[in-house]
Protein backbone atom coordinates (compact mmCIF):
# COMPACT_ATOMS: atom_id res chain seq x y z
CA MET A 1 70.09 137.46 117.04
CA LEU A 2 73.74 136.53 117.85
CA ALA A 3 75.35 139.86 118.31
CA THR A 4 75.06 143.43 117.24
CA GLY A 5 77.31 146.31 116.20
CA THR A 6 76.04 149.62 117.77
CA ASP A 7 76.33 153.28 117.24
CA SER A 8 75.88 155.42 120.48
CA ASP A 9 73.87 158.11 118.62
CA GLY A 10 71.79 155.69 116.77
CA GLY A 11 70.72 156.60 113.10
CA ILE A 12 72.97 153.90 111.44
CA THR A 13 73.26 154.50 107.54
CA ASN A 14 75.69 151.72 106.68
CA VAL A 15 77.23 148.70 108.41
CA VAL A 16 79.94 146.51 107.25
CA SER A 17 82.11 143.63 108.50
CA ILE A 18 85.94 144.53 108.45
CA GLY A 19 89.05 142.40 109.19
CA ASN A 20 87.84 138.75 109.26
CA THR A 21 84.80 137.80 107.20
CA LEU A 22 81.57 136.47 108.76
CA PRO A 23 80.89 132.75 108.55
CA ALA A 24 78.86 131.82 105.56
CA TRP A 25 75.90 130.87 107.83
CA ALA A 26 75.72 134.31 109.57
CA LEU A 27 74.08 137.40 108.24
CA LEU A 28 74.83 141.00 108.83
CA GLN A 29 71.57 143.08 108.73
CA PRO A 30 71.41 146.71 107.90
CA ASN A 31 70.77 147.72 111.52
CA GLY A 32 74.07 146.02 112.83
CA ASN A 33 72.46 142.93 114.04
CA ILE A 34 74.14 139.55 113.09
CA VAL A 35 71.66 136.71 112.75
CA VAL A 36 71.68 133.09 111.45
CA ARG A 37 70.77 132.83 107.82
CA GLN A 38 67.47 131.26 106.88
CA ASN A 39 67.72 127.35 106.75
CA GLN A 40 71.28 127.60 108.05
CA GLN A 41 72.78 126.06 111.17
CA PRO A 42 75.77 127.66 113.14
CA ILE A 43 78.99 125.70 112.98
CA GLN A 44 80.90 125.21 116.15
CA GLY A 45 83.90 127.47 116.68
CA THR A 46 85.13 130.98 117.57
CA TYR A 47 84.86 133.82 115.41
CA ASP A 48 86.55 137.24 115.72
CA PHE A 49 85.43 140.12 113.67
CA VAL A 50 84.74 143.91 113.82
CA ILE A 51 81.40 145.43 112.81
CA ARG A 52 81.76 149.00 111.36
CA THR A 53 78.60 151.36 111.64
CA THR A 54 78.40 154.86 109.85
CA ASP A 55 75.87 157.18 111.16
CA ALA A 56 74.00 160.20 109.31
CA GLN A 57 76.92 162.52 109.87
CA GLY A 58 79.45 160.24 108.35
CA PHE A 59 81.18 159.13 111.48
CA THR A 60 82.11 155.55 112.11
CA THR A 61 81.97 153.23 115.27
CA ASP A 62 84.03 149.97 115.39
CA SER A 63 82.50 147.21 117.53
CA PRO A 64 84.91 144.30 118.14
CA ILE A 65 83.17 140.93 118.54
CA ASN A 66 84.25 137.57 119.76
CA LEU A 67 81.43 135.12 118.88
CA ARG A 68 81.94 131.57 120.24
CA ILE A 69 79.45 128.78 119.20
CA ASN A 70 79.33 125.93 121.49
CA GLY A 71 77.13 123.25 119.61
CA GLN A 72 74.28 125.41 118.42
CA SER A 73 74.41 128.00 121.30
CA PRO A 74 76.30 131.26 120.68
CA THR A 75 78.25 133.05 123.47
CA ILE A 76 79.46 136.66 123.23
CA VAL A 77 82.73 136.43 125.05
CA PRO A 78 83.71 139.62 126.99
CA LEU A 79 87.26 140.50 125.82
CA PRO A 80 89.90 140.43 128.88
CA VAL A 81 91.73 143.38 127.52
CA GLU A 82 90.27 146.75 126.87
CA LEU A 83 92.42 147.78 123.89
CA VAL A 84 92.50 151.68 123.33
CA TYR A 85 94.58 151.94 120.05
CA PHE A 86 96.75 149.95 117.80
CA THR A 87 98.91 151.74 115.47
CA ALA A 88 101.98 151.52 113.30
CA VAL A 89 104.82 153.77 112.19
CA VAL A 90 107.47 152.98 109.41
CA ARG A 91 111.02 154.22 110.33
CA ASN A 92 114.18 153.03 108.44
CA ASN A 93 111.97 150.65 106.41
CA GLN A 94 111.04 148.92 109.57
CA VAL A 95 107.65 148.75 111.40
CA GLU A 96 107.20 150.03 114.77
CA LEU A 97 103.98 148.80 116.43
CA GLU A 98 102.44 150.41 119.28
CA TRP A 99 99.19 149.66 121.42
CA LEU A 100 97.72 150.83 124.46
CA THR A 101 95.35 149.10 127.09
CA ALA A 102 92.90 150.69 129.37
CA SER A 103 92.67 147.63 131.52
CA GLU A 104 93.62 144.05 131.67
CA GLN A 105 92.15 140.83 133.34
CA ASN A 106 94.34 137.69 133.41
CA ASN A 107 96.35 139.01 130.26
CA ASP A 108 99.37 136.64 130.03
CA ARG A 109 100.77 138.10 126.54
CA PHE A 110 100.41 139.46 123.16
CA GLU A 111 101.55 137.67 120.29
CA ILE A 112 102.24 139.79 117.09
CA GLU A 113 101.13 138.09 113.76
CA ARG A 114 102.05 139.25 110.31
CA SER A 115 100.68 138.46 106.96
CA LEU A 116 101.24 139.19 103.29
CA ASP A 117 97.58 138.57 102.23
CA ALA A 118 95.58 139.41 105.33
CA LYS A 119 94.37 135.76 105.27
CA LYS A 120 97.22 133.63 106.57
CA PHE A 121 99.04 135.14 109.46
CA GLU A 122 102.41 133.89 111.18
CA LYS A 123 103.75 134.80 114.57
CA VAL A 124 106.77 137.18 114.53
CA GLY A 125 107.07 138.07 118.24
CA SER A 126 105.56 138.15 121.60
CA VAL A 127 105.21 140.74 124.44
CA SER A 128 104.21 139.91 128.08
CA GLY A 129 101.07 141.26 129.43
CA LYS A 130 100.42 143.00 132.71
CA GLY A 131 98.17 140.21 134.14
CA THR A 132 95.25 142.05 135.91
CA THR A 133 95.43 145.80 136.18
CA SER A 134 92.98 148.73 135.84
CA LEU A 135 95.85 151.10 134.87
CA LYS A 136 96.62 152.05 131.34
CA SER A 137 99.56 150.02 129.79
CA LYS A 138 101.52 150.87 126.77
CA TYR A 139 103.31 148.24 124.53
CA GLN A 140 105.78 148.48 121.71
CA PHE A 141 107.26 145.98 119.15
CA THR A 142 109.58 146.51 116.17
CA ASP A 143 109.35 144.15 113.12
CA ARG A 144 112.76 144.47 111.54
CA THR A 145 111.57 142.88 108.26
CA GLN A 146 112.14 145.29 105.48
CA VAL A 147 108.69 146.73 104.13
CA GLN A 148 108.03 145.74 100.63
CA GLY A 149 104.54 146.16 99.26
CA THR A 150 101.74 145.85 101.97
CA ILE A 151 102.15 143.93 105.15
CA TYR A 152 99.14 143.23 107.49
CA TYR A 153 99.51 142.97 111.28
CA ARG A 154 97.38 141.85 114.20
CA LEU A 155 97.57 141.22 118.05
CA LYS A 156 96.53 137.98 119.30
CA GLN A 157 95.90 138.41 123.02
CA ILE A 158 96.21 135.43 125.13
CA ASP A 159 94.98 135.27 128.69
CA SER A 160 96.34 132.93 131.54
CA ASP A 161 93.79 130.20 130.88
CA GLY A 162 94.82 129.96 127.13
CA GLU A 163 91.71 131.87 125.78
CA PHE A 164 92.65 134.39 123.08
CA ALA A 165 91.07 137.26 120.91
CA TYR A 166 92.45 139.16 117.94
CA SER A 167 92.74 142.89 117.41
CA LYS A 168 91.76 144.71 114.25
CA VAL A 169 94.19 144.17 111.42
CA LEU A 170 96.56 146.96 110.46
CA ALA A 171 97.57 147.39 106.73
CA VAL A 172 101.10 148.82 106.55
CA SER A 173 103.16 149.99 103.54
CA ALA A 174 106.10 152.34 103.34
CA LYS A 175 104.38 154.38 100.77
CA SER A 176 100.83 154.86 102.33
CA LEU A 177 102.22 155.34 105.81
CA ALA A 178 104.42 158.00 104.36
CA ASN A 179 101.36 160.13 103.60
CA GLU A 180 98.98 158.97 106.39
CA THR A 181 98.01 160.47 109.69
CA SER A 182 96.63 158.00 112.35
CA ILE A 183 94.35 159.41 115.18
CA SER A 184 92.85 157.69 118.24
CA VAL A 185 90.98 159.11 121.15
CA TYR A 186 90.10 157.53 124.53
CA PRO A 187 88.15 157.15 126.65
CA ASN A 188 85.10 157.71 124.42
CA PRO A 189 82.52 158.44 126.15
CA VAL A 190 84.60 160.78 128.28
CA SER A 191 84.06 162.56 131.57
CA ASP A 192 87.09 164.67 132.57
CA GLN A 193 90.11 164.47 130.15
CA LEU A 194 90.30 163.37 126.63
CA ASN A 195 93.42 161.52 125.52
CA VAL A 196 94.33 161.81 121.83
CA THR A 197 97.09 159.77 120.13
CA ILE A 198 98.30 161.07 116.78
CA SER A 199 100.83 159.29 114.45
CA VAL A 200 102.15 161.48 111.79
CA PRO A 201 104.88 160.73 109.20
CA ILE A 202 106.81 164.27 109.42
CA THR A 203 106.92 166.95 112.04
CA GLN A 204 104.08 169.38 111.53
CA ASP A 205 101.89 171.92 113.07
CA VAL A 206 98.28 171.06 113.71
CA GLU A 207 95.22 172.82 115.14
CA ILE A 208 92.98 170.79 117.48
CA SER A 209 89.49 172.15 117.82
CA LEU A 210 86.33 170.94 119.67
CA TYR A 211 82.80 171.91 118.44
CA ASP A 212 79.55 171.41 120.19
CA ILE A 213 76.46 170.03 118.43
CA ASN A 214 75.48 173.48 117.27
CA GLY A 215 78.88 174.02 115.43
CA ARG A 216 80.25 176.36 118.33
CA LYS A 217 84.01 176.13 118.82
CA VAL A 218 84.50 175.40 122.54
CA ILE A 219 88.16 174.44 122.68
CA ARG A 220 91.04 175.48 120.18
CA LYS A 221 94.81 174.45 120.71
CA SER A 222 97.81 174.52 118.55
CA HIS A 223 100.41 171.71 118.64
CA GLU A 224 103.64 170.87 116.96
CA LEU A 225 103.68 167.17 116.29
CA LYS A 226 106.85 165.39 116.06
CA THR A 227 107.51 162.37 113.53
CA GLY A 228 106.02 159.37 114.95
CA ILE A 229 103.39 158.96 117.73
CA ASN A 230 102.31 161.91 119.81
CA ASN A 231 100.21 161.68 123.01
CA LEU A 232 97.90 164.79 123.89
CA LYS A 233 95.67 165.52 126.82
CA ILE A 234 92.78 167.75 126.67
CA PRO A 235 90.79 168.72 129.90
CA ILE A 236 87.08 168.83 129.10
CA GLN A 237 85.42 168.51 132.74
CA HIS A 238 84.09 172.11 132.31
CA LEU A 239 82.01 171.16 129.24
CA GLN A 240 78.42 170.11 129.32
CA SER A 241 77.38 166.61 128.66
CA GLY A 242 76.56 165.87 124.95
CA LEU A 243 78.09 165.27 121.51
CA TYR A 244 81.00 167.12 120.30
CA ILE A 245 83.21 166.88 117.24
CA LEU A 246 87.01 166.88 117.71
CA LYS A 247 88.69 168.32 114.46
CA ILE A 248 92.52 168.00 113.82
CA THR A 249 93.58 170.32 110.87
CA SER A 250 96.97 170.50 109.44
CA ILE A 251 98.24 172.46 106.39
CA ASP A 252 97.02 169.72 104.00
CA SER A 253 94.27 167.65 105.83
CA GLU A 254 91.55 167.45 108.33
CA SER A 255 90.10 164.68 110.38
CA ALA A 256 87.17 164.64 112.57
CA ILE A 257 86.02 162.35 115.31
CA ARG A 258 82.73 162.33 117.25
CA ILE A 259 83.22 162.44 121.02
CA LEU A 260 80.60 161.74 123.53
CA LYS A 261 80.83 163.79 126.89
CA ASN A 262 79.33 162.25 130.03
């Protein structure tokens, strides 16, 4: 086995590779394991991809993997930057990118890359990293290219030794983002305070509810979200350890995210 995509609750019902495709000699098994195909040999190189697993409740978990093959020996490379979220908002037909890191180690910079086909990427900008820090760091970058059709973005994180890793790929279009809400939560698992980042196309009221495994509502809050990116904090230190479901409901949509309380 070369690597695995995991689900903290187990019970994987579906698994796919998203973003970059697996090399032809690698096989993604139904349990999330990545193995070398029979009668195949791994080819030397570095491979970045994300394994998305779906559990019996329909919730997904993304596992970023950076796989390096030296000769015929695989190495799973720990990412020097813990990326919490990477999101985009279209304003005035320009793309505003924002991302947050929970910690960084020897992080020299982020290079922002853009593509028209999600295959061939070009560098469109660079943002300096924070080096080594255990504090959360927020970054922003505006691509002033006029949005026509769908544009794809990814981050190339480069450390001080020249090693690098890629983020997930964002697909951005003025039409789709005008109707979409993007939600990220961190940390997850969580102990004391849950941070929720919600990107919305227009100002709107939402209800944020947290349910325990028995379907009992343990937290309910109402918020007015402003156009763009909103950062909310939800104290949960008083709750018992276990699995919870966070639901964010607006007048015309509902999103649900699985939360694990330590």
